[in-house]
């Protein structure tokens, strides 16, 4: 993935629907791109966060405590549990 920056659209500040989700409490989440350098190459990944500040806070938390959990072999779609 390459991160490409475009000027903001004049008619809207809302991201396309594919980049907006909601959590179990119906709070809106937005997709943010992260970029890093390794072995002379640029790499990117993405996270979901509630705001730009929340995304920055998550990156700061990753700097402090990020660990690799293992290779992913499959994904299963499931409903998020709700509180009783």
Foldseek 3Di string as FASTA:
>chain_A
DDDDDDPDDPVDPDDPPVQWDADLVRQIWGKDKDWDDDPRDIDIDIDIARDPVRVVVVVVVCVVDPDDPDDDDDDDDDDDDDDD
